[in-house]
Amino acid sequence: MVSRRHLLASRRRARRVKAANNDLSAQQWRWLLAAWNHACAYCGGQYAELQKDCVHAISRGGRYTVENVVPACRSCNASKCNAEVTSWMRRKRLDEKRFLERWVMIIGSVRDSSDLEDATLALAAAMIEKR
């Protein structure tokens, strides 16, 4: 049985999600999965099922957009919850630098492109350049 407190929190979250500008399409989600090599953006683990996680939590003003969502394993998503990503990563002793560099590269490829095909090419070029 769900507690009243849990039910109210769930309703508040639903209202925040509905009020925010949430424009992540199914195509963009598939692109993000490929950009992160179908692995958890935080721990790097390969999992059959990855969840959408907002880097900047919805409770802190984040939105479900291609620039704010990353694939996360169930464990990382539940552990991070509403925490600020960098402090959470430090606390969990995850590779914060690796995540941030990759995230910035992926965001940059999306921002610099008119469509996801261009973004894929931009991301591939950035990864080759980094080597």
N, C-alpha and C. Protein backbone atom coordinates (compact mmCIF):
# COMPACT_ATOMS: atom_id res chain seq x y z
N MET A 1 0.84 -1.18 0.00
CA MET A 1 0.00 0.00 0.00
C MET A 1 0.89 1.25 0.00
N VAL A 2 0.51 2.22 -0.80
CA VAL A 2 1.27 3.46 -0.92
C VAL A 2 0.86 4.42 0.19
N SER A 3 1.85 5.01 0.83
CA SER A 3 1.55 5.95 1.90
C SER A 3 1.01 7.26 1.33
N ARG A 4 0.30 7.98 2.13
CA ARG A 4 -0.25 9.28 1.72
C ARG A 4 0.88 10.23 1.33
N ARG A 5 1.94 10.22 2.10
CA ARG A 5 3.09 11.09 1.83
C ARG A 5 3.69 10.78 0.45
N HIS A 6 3.84 9.50 0.16
CA HIS A 6 4.38 9.07 -1.12
C HIS A 6 3.45 9.47 -2.27
N LEU A 7 2.17 9.33 -2.07
CA LEU A 7 1.19 9.69 -3.07
C LEU A 7 1.23 11.19 -3.36
N LEU A 8 1.31 12.01 -2.31
CA LEU A 8 1.38 13.47 -2.50
C LEU A 8 2.66 13.87 -3.22
N ALA A 9 3.77 13.25 -2.85
CA ALA A 9 5.05 13.54 -3.52
C ALA A 9 4.98 13.17 -5.00
N SER A 10 4.35 12.06 -5.29
CA SER A 10 4.19 11.62 -6.67
C SER A 10 3.35 12.61 -7.47
N ARG A 11 2.31 13.11 -6.87
CA ARG A 11 1.45 14.10 -7.55
C ARG A 11 2.20 15.41 -7.79
N ARG A 12 2.99 15.84 -6.79
CA ARG A 12 3.77 17.08 -6.96
C ARG A 12 4.76 16.92 -8.11
N ARG A 13 5.41 15.77 -8.18
CA ARG A 13 6.37 15.51 -9.25
C ARG A 13 5.66 15.53 -10.61
N ALA A 14 4.52 14.90 -10.69
CA ALA A 14 3.76 14.87 -11.95
C ALA A 14 3.40 16.29 -12.39
N ARG A 15 3.02 17.15 -11.43
CA ARG A 15 2.71 18.55 -11.77
C ARG A 15 3.95 19.28 -12.27
N ARG A 16 5.11 19.06 -11.63
CA ARG A 16 6.36 19.70 -12.06
C ARG A 16 6.74 19.25 -13.46
N VAL A 17 6.61 17.96 -13.73
CA VAL A 17 6.95 17.43 -15.05
C VAL A 17 6.03 18.02 -16.10
N LYS A 18 4.75 18.09 -15.80
CA LYS A 18 3.77 18.63 -16.75
C LYS A 18 4.01 20.11 -17.02
N ALA A 19 4.42 20.85 -16.00
CA ALA A 19 4.63 22.29 -16.13
C ALA A 19 5.93 22.62 -16.88
N ALA A 20 6.89 21.73 -16.84
CA ALA A 20 8.18 21.99 -17.47
C ALA A 20 8.10 21.77 -18.98
N ASN A 21 9.07 22.35 -19.67
CA ASN A 21 9.17 22.16 -21.11
C ASN A 21 9.88 20.83 -21.35
N ASN A 22 9.12 19.79 -21.60
CA ASN A 22 9.66 18.45 -21.78
C ASN A 22 9.50 18.04 -23.23
N ASP A 23 10.59 18.11 -23.98
CA ASP A 23 10.47 17.84 -25.41
C ASP A 23 11.41 16.75 -25.90
N LEU A 24 11.74 15.79 -25.05
CA LEU A 24 12.60 14.70 -25.47
C LEU A 24 11.79 13.70 -26.29
N SER A 25 12.15 13.55 -27.54
CA SER A 25 11.42 12.62 -28.41
C SER A 25 12.01 11.21 -28.29
N ALA A 26 11.28 10.24 -28.79
CA ALA A 26 11.77 8.85 -28.79
C ALA A 26 13.03 8.74 -29.64
N GLN A 27 13.08 9.48 -30.75
CA GLN A 27 14.26 9.47 -31.62
C GLN A 27 15.47 10.04 -30.88
N GLN A 28 15.26 11.14 -30.15
CA GLN A 28 16.36 11.73 -29.39
C GLN A 28 16.84 10.78 -28.30
N TRP A 29 15.93 10.07 -27.64
CA TRP A 29 16.32 9.11 -26.61
C TRP A 29 17.18 7.99 -27.22
N ARG A 30 16.77 7.48 -28.38
CA ARG A 30 17.56 6.45 -29.05
C ARG A 30 18.95 6.99 -29.41
N TRP A 31 19.00 8.24 -29.86
CA TRP A 31 20.28 8.86 -30.19
C TRP A 31 21.15 8.98 -28.95
N LEU A 32 20.57 9.41 -27.82
CA LEU A 32 21.34 9.52 -26.58
C LEU A 32 21.88 8.16 -26.15
N LEU A 33 21.07 7.12 -26.26
CA LEU A 33 21.54 5.77 -25.91
C LEU A 33 22.77 5.41 -26.76
N ALA A 34 22.70 5.69 -28.06
CA ALA A 34 23.83 5.39 -28.94
C ALA A 34 25.04 6.26 -28.60
N ALA A 35 24.80 7.53 -28.32
CA ALA A 35 25.90 8.44 -27.99
C ALA A 35 26.64 8.01 -26.74
N TRP A 36 25.93 7.41 -25.81
CA TRP A 36 26.54 6.91 -24.57
C TRP A 36 26.90 5.42 -24.70
N ASN A 37 26.91 4.89 -25.91
CA ASN A 37 27.28 3.49 -26.18
C ASN A 37 26.39 2.50 -25.43
N HIS A 38 25.14 2.83 -25.27
CA HIS A 38 24.17 1.96 -24.57
C HIS A 38 24.69 1.55 -23.20
N ALA A 39 25.33 2.50 -22.52
CA ALA A 39 25.87 2.26 -21.18
C ALA A 39 25.39 3.36 -20.24
N CYS A 40 25.44 3.09 -18.96
CA CYS A 40 25.08 4.09 -17.96
C CYS A 40 26.07 5.26 -18.07
N ALA A 41 25.55 6.47 -18.17
CA ALA A 41 26.39 7.65 -18.29
C ALA A 41 27.24 7.87 -17.05
N TYR A 42 26.79 7.39 -15.92
CA TYR A 42 27.48 7.64 -14.66
C TYR A 42 28.53 6.58 -14.34
N CYS A 43 28.14 5.32 -14.30
CA CYS A 43 29.07 4.26 -13.89
C CYS A 43 29.71 3.55 -15.09
N GLY A 44 29.14 3.75 -16.29
CA GLY A 44 29.68 3.12 -17.48
C GLY A 44 29.25 1.68 -17.68
N GLY A 45 28.42 1.16 -16.79
CA GLY A 45 27.98 -0.23 -16.88
C GLY A 45 27.05 -0.47 -18.06
N GLN A 46 27.18 -1.64 -18.65
CA GLN A 46 26.31 -2.05 -19.76
C GLN A 46 25.11 -2.80 -19.18
N TYR A 47 23.93 -2.29 -19.45
CA TYR A 47 22.70 -2.90 -18.92
C TYR A 47 21.68 -3.03 -20.03
N ALA A 48 20.85 -4.05 -19.94
CA ALA A 48 19.81 -4.27 -20.95
C ALA A 48 18.80 -3.13 -20.92
N GLU A 49 18.48 -2.65 -19.73
CA GLU A 49 17.51 -1.57 -19.58
C GLU A 49 18.16 -0.38 -18.93
N LEU A 50 18.10 0.75 -19.61
CA LEU A 50 18.59 2.00 -19.04
C LEU A 50 17.42 2.95 -18.88
N GLN A 51 17.49 3.77 -17.85
CA GLN A 51 16.42 4.72 -17.55
C GLN A 51 16.86 6.13 -17.95
N LYS A 52 15.87 6.97 -18.19
CA LYS A 52 16.15 8.38 -18.47
C LYS A 52 16.38 9.08 -17.14
N ASP A 53 17.53 9.74 -17.02
CA ASP A 53 17.81 10.51 -15.81
C ASP A 53 18.12 11.94 -16.19
N CYS A 54 17.54 12.87 -15.47
CA CYS A 54 17.83 14.29 -15.69
C CYS A 54 19.09 14.65 -14.91
N VAL A 55 20.10 15.13 -15.62
CA VAL A 55 21.34 15.55 -14.96
C VAL A 55 20.99 16.63 -13.94
N HIS A 56 20.24 17.62 -14.37
CA HIS A 56 19.72 18.66 -13.48
C HIS A 56 18.29 18.22 -13.14
N ALA A 57 18.09 17.76 -11.91
CA ALA A 57 16.83 17.14 -11.50
C ALA A 57 15.62 18.03 -11.74
N ILE A 58 14.50 17.40 -12.06
CA ILE A 58 13.25 18.13 -12.26
C ILE A 58 12.89 18.92 -11.01
N SER A 59 13.14 18.34 -9.85
CA SER A 59 12.82 19.04 -8.59
C SER A 59 13.67 20.28 -8.40
N ARG A 60 14.75 20.39 -9.17
CA ARG A 60 15.64 21.56 -9.10
C ARG A 60 15.52 22.43 -10.35
N GLY A 61 14.46 22.22 -11.11
CA GLY A 61 14.22 23.05 -12.29
C GLY A 61 14.64 22.43 -13.61
N GLY A 62 15.11 21.19 -13.60
CA GLY A 62 15.52 20.53 -14.83
C GLY A 62 14.33 20.12 -15.68
N ARG A 63 14.62 19.72 -16.92
CA ARG A 63 13.57 19.33 -17.85
C ARG A 63 13.98 18.07 -18.59
N TYR A 64 13.01 17.38 -19.17
CA TYR A 64 13.30 16.23 -20.02
C TYR A 64 13.61 16.75 -21.42
N THR A 65 14.85 17.11 -21.65
CA THR A 65 15.30 17.58 -22.96
C THR A 65 16.54 16.81 -23.35
N VAL A 66 16.88 16.84 -24.62
CA VAL A 66 18.05 16.11 -25.11
C VAL A 66 19.33 16.58 -24.43
N GLU A 67 19.37 17.82 -23.98
CA GLU A 67 20.57 18.35 -23.33
C GLU A 67 20.64 18.03 -21.84
N ASN A 68 19.56 17.59 -21.24
CA ASN A 68 19.55 17.35 -19.80
C ASN A 68 19.36 15.89 -19.42
N VAL A 69 19.02 15.05 -20.36
CA VAL A 69 18.75 13.64 -20.05
C VAL A 69 19.94 12.78 -20.46
N VAL A 70 20.28 11.84 -19.60
CA VAL A 70 21.32 10.84 -19.90
C VAL A 70 20.78 9.46 -19.55
N PRO A 71 21.31 8.42 -20.19
CA PRO A 71 20.91 7.07 -19.80
C PRO A 71 21.59 6.69 -18.48
N ALA A 72 20.83 6.10 -17.59
CA ALA A 72 21.37 5.69 -16.28
C ALA A 72 20.85 4.31 -15.93
N CYS A 73 21.70 3.54 -15.27
CA CYS A 73 21.24 2.24 -14.77
C CYS A 73 20.30 2.50 -13.60
N ARG A 74 19.53 1.50 -13.26
CA ARG A 74 18.55 1.63 -12.18
C ARG A 74 19.24 2.04 -10.87
N SER A 75 20.38 1.45 -10.59
CA SER A 75 21.09 1.72 -9.34
C SER A 75 21.55 3.18 -9.26
N CYS A 76 22.19 3.67 -10.32
CA CYS A 76 22.66 5.07 -10.32
C CYS A 76 21.49 6.04 -10.28
N ASN A 77 20.44 5.77 -11.05
CA ASN A 77 19.28 6.65 -11.09
C ASN A 77 18.63 6.75 -9.71
N ALA A 78 18.46 5.63 -9.04
CA ALA A 78 17.84 5.63 -7.71
C ALA A 78 18.76 6.29 -6.69
N SER A 79 20.04 6.04 -6.80
CA SER A 79 21.00 6.60 -5.84
C SER A 79 21.11 8.12 -6.00
N LYS A 80 21.16 8.59 -7.24
CA LYS A 80 21.30 10.03 -7.48
C LYS A 80 20.05 10.77 -7.05
N CYS A 81 18.90 10.20 -7.36
CA CYS A 81 17.62 10.79 -6.97
C CYS A 81 17.57 12.25 -7.39
N ASN A 82 17.48 13.17 -6.44
CA ASN A 82 17.40 14.61 -6.74
C ASN A 82 18.71 15.33 -6.47
N ALA A 83 19.77 14.59 -6.23
CA ALA A 83 21.05 15.20 -5.87
C ALA A 83 21.67 15.96 -7.04
N GLU A 84 22.52 16.90 -6.71
CA GLU A 84 23.31 17.61 -7.70
C GLU A 84 24.35 16.62 -8.22
N VAL A 85 24.51 16.53 -9.53
CA VAL A 85 25.26 15.44 -10.14
C VAL A 85 26.72 15.37 -9.71
N THR A 86 27.43 16.49 -9.65
CA THR A 86 28.86 16.41 -9.34
C THR A 86 29.12 16.02 -7.89
N SER A 87 28.34 16.57 -6.97
CA SER A 87 28.55 16.18 -5.56
C SER A 87 28.17 14.72 -5.35
N TRP A 88 27.12 14.26 -6.03
CA TRP A 88 26.73 12.85 -5.93
C TRP A 88 27.82 11.95 -6.48
N MET A 89 28.40 12.32 -7.62
CA MET A 89 29.45 11.50 -8.22
C MET A 89 30.68 11.43 -7.32
N ARG A 90 31.03 12.55 -6.70
CA ARG A 90 32.16 12.54 -5.76
C ARG A 90 31.88 11.63 -4.59
N ARG A 91 30.68 11.73 -4.06
CA ARG A 91 30.30 10.90 -2.91
C ARG A 91 30.34 9.41 -3.26
N LYS A 92 29.93 9.07 -4.49
CA LYS A 92 29.93 7.68 -4.93
C LYS A 92 31.29 7.23 -5.49
N ARG A 93 32.22 8.18 -5.57
CA ARG A 93 33.57 7.91 -6.11
C ARG A 93 33.52 7.43 -7.56
N LEU A 94 32.67 8.08 -8.33
CA LEU A 94 32.57 7.81 -9.75
C LEU A 94 33.46 8.80 -10.50
N ASP A 95 33.78 8.51 -11.74
CA ASP A 95 34.69 9.35 -12.53
C ASP A 95 33.95 10.58 -13.04
N GLU A 96 33.92 11.59 -12.21
CA GLU A 96 33.20 12.83 -12.52
C GLU A 96 33.76 13.50 -13.77
N LYS A 97 35.08 13.55 -13.90
CA LYS A 97 35.71 14.21 -15.04
C LYS A 97 35.31 13.51 -16.35
N ARG A 98 35.36 12.18 -16.37
CA ARG A 98 34.99 11.43 -17.57
C ARG A 98 33.55 11.73 -17.97
N PHE A 99 32.65 11.72 -16.98
CA PHE A 99 31.24 12.00 -17.26
C PHE A 99 31.07 13.40 -17.83
N LEU A 100 31.63 14.41 -17.16
CA LEU A 100 31.43 15.80 -17.58
C LEU A 100 32.01 16.06 -18.97
N GLU A 101 33.20 15.53 -19.24
CA GLU A 101 33.79 15.73 -20.57
C GLU A 101 32.91 15.11 -21.66
N ARG A 102 32.45 13.92 -21.41
CA ARG A 102 31.60 13.22 -22.39
C ARG A 102 30.27 13.94 -22.56
N TRP A 103 29.66 14.35 -21.44
CA TRP A 103 28.37 15.05 -21.49
C TRP A 103 28.49 16.34 -22.28
N VAL A 104 29.54 17.12 -22.03
CA VAL A 104 29.75 18.38 -22.74
C VAL A 104 29.95 18.11 -24.23
N MET A 105 30.69 17.06 -24.56
CA MET A 105 30.91 16.71 -25.96
C MET A 105 29.58 16.36 -26.64
N ILE A 106 28.76 15.60 -25.96
CA ILE A 106 27.46 15.19 -26.53
C ILE A 106 26.53 16.40 -26.66
N ILE A 107 26.46 17.22 -25.64
CA ILE A 107 25.62 18.43 -25.71
C ILE A 107 26.10 19.33 -26.84
N GLY A 108 27.41 19.50 -26.95
CA GLY A 108 27.97 20.34 -28.01
C GLY A 108 27.60 19.85 -29.39
N SER A 109 27.62 18.54 -29.58
CA SER A 109 27.29 18.00 -30.90
C SER A 109 25.82 18.22 -31.24
N VAL A 110 24.96 18.22 -30.22
CA VAL A 110 23.54 18.48 -30.45
C VAL A 110 23.31 19.96 -30.74
N ARG A 111 23.93 20.82 -29.96
CA ARG A 111 23.73 22.27 -30.13
C ARG A 111 24.26 22.78 -31.47
N ASP A 112 25.35 22.19 -31.94
CA ASP A 112 25.98 22.65 -33.17
C ASP A 112 25.34 22.07 -34.43
N SER A 113 24.32 21.26 -34.28
CA SER A 113 23.74 20.55 -35.42
C SER A 113 22.27 20.87 -35.58
N SER A 114 21.84 20.80 -36.84
CA SER A 114 20.43 21.06 -37.11
C SER A 114 19.58 19.81 -36.93
N ASP A 115 20.20 18.64 -37.00
CA ASP A 115 19.45 17.40 -36.80
C ASP A 115 20.36 16.35 -36.17
N LEU A 116 19.79 15.21 -35.83
CA LEU A 116 20.55 14.18 -35.12
C LEU A 116 21.61 13.52 -36.00
N GLU A 117 21.40 13.47 -37.31
CA GLU A 117 22.43 12.92 -38.19
C GLU A 117 23.67 13.80 -38.13
N ASP A 118 23.48 15.11 -38.21
CA ASP A 118 24.60 16.04 -38.09
C ASP A 118 25.24 15.91 -36.71
N ALA A 119 24.42 15.75 -35.68
CA ALA A 119 24.94 15.62 -34.32
C ALA A 119 25.79 14.37 -34.18
N THR A 120 25.38 13.28 -34.82
CA THR A 120 26.16 12.04 -34.78
C THR A 120 27.53 12.25 -35.41
N LEU A 121 27.56 12.93 -36.54
CA LEU A 121 28.83 13.21 -37.20
C LEU A 121 29.70 14.13 -36.35
N ALA A 122 29.09 15.15 -35.77
CA ALA A 122 29.84 16.08 -34.92
C ALA A 122 30.41 15.36 -33.70
N LEU A 123 29.64 14.47 -33.11
CA LEU A 123 30.10 13.71 -31.95
C LEU A 123 31.25 12.79 -32.34
N ALA A 124 31.13 12.11 -33.47
CA ALA A 124 32.20 11.22 -33.93
C ALA A 124 33.49 12.01 -34.18
N ALA A 125 33.36 13.18 -34.80
CA ALA A 125 34.54 14.02 -35.05
C ALA A 125 35.18 14.48 -33.75
N ALA A 126 34.37 14.86 -32.78
CA ALA A 126 34.90 15.31 -31.49
C ALA A 126 35.61 14.18 -30.76
N MET A 127 35.08 12.97 -30.86
CA MET A 127 35.70 11.83 -30.19
C MET A 127 37.04 11.48 -30.85
N ILE A 128 37.10 11.56 -32.17
CA ILE A 128 38.35 11.29 -32.88
C ILE A 128 39.38 12.36 -32.53
N GLU A 129 38.95 13.61 -32.50
CA GLU A 129 39.84 14.73 -32.18
C GLU A 129 40.42 14.60 -30.77
N LYS A 130 39.63 14.09 -29.85
CA LYS A 130 40.05 13.97 -28.45
C LYS A 130 41.17 12.94 -28.29
N ARG A 131 41.20 11.93 -29.15
CA ARG A 131 42.21 10.87 -29.06
C ARG A 131 43.52 11.42 -29.36
